[in-house]
Amino acid sequence: LAASFDIHNLDLAVVDLDRSPAADRLVRKALASGYFRFGGYEADYGSALGRVELGAADLILEIPRGFERDLAVDRSARVFISADNVDSAKGGLGSAYLARIVDDYAADLGAAEAPPETAPAGGTASGPSVFSRFRFNTRLSYPVMMVPAIVVMVLTMFCGFLPALNIVGEKEAGTM
């Protein structure tokens, strides 16, 4: 267990447009997980995105207006999770952690509102839903991700092999 792929202390910026007790409980549940540090409340998504661009936040949790009302009336609501994927492992795991927390929150709401014999088992029949939207490579096209990766690998190998070959040549010529 010397190596762990868990990522902790991700900075979470929250855009709470609802300012309701239900939204506050969701934020507290996310922060209580131990994976996130509270990066502060932002007034709108643009200012939260500015924090991500400055490196002051890793993820954004946006809770829309009417979140608590939608939960009470429709028994479903939407939240928006946005992750900085410059470090794809950090962004991917962070958004997965946050999505799982939202899922657990939804399951807790469903279990609390439903009678014990009809409580959802593991699934989220009601509650917040999580959806993904990609801003770069929206169709997740393989070449768009792989071509730059291959170019970087070739350049890395070239920059490693060229000096190594030069040193071997100098050694063989007896000048080193």
Foldseek 3Di string as FASTA:
>chain_A
DVDDLQAAAAEEEEAEAAPDPLVVVLVVLLVVVRRYDYLYYDPDPVVVVVCVVVVSGFKYKYAHHCQVVCCVPVLEGEIEMDGDCPVVSCRVVVVVSSQVSQQVSQLVSQCVPDPVVPRDDPGRPGYYHYDDADPPPRVVDPCVPVVVVVVVVVVVVCVVVVVVVVVVVCVVVVVD
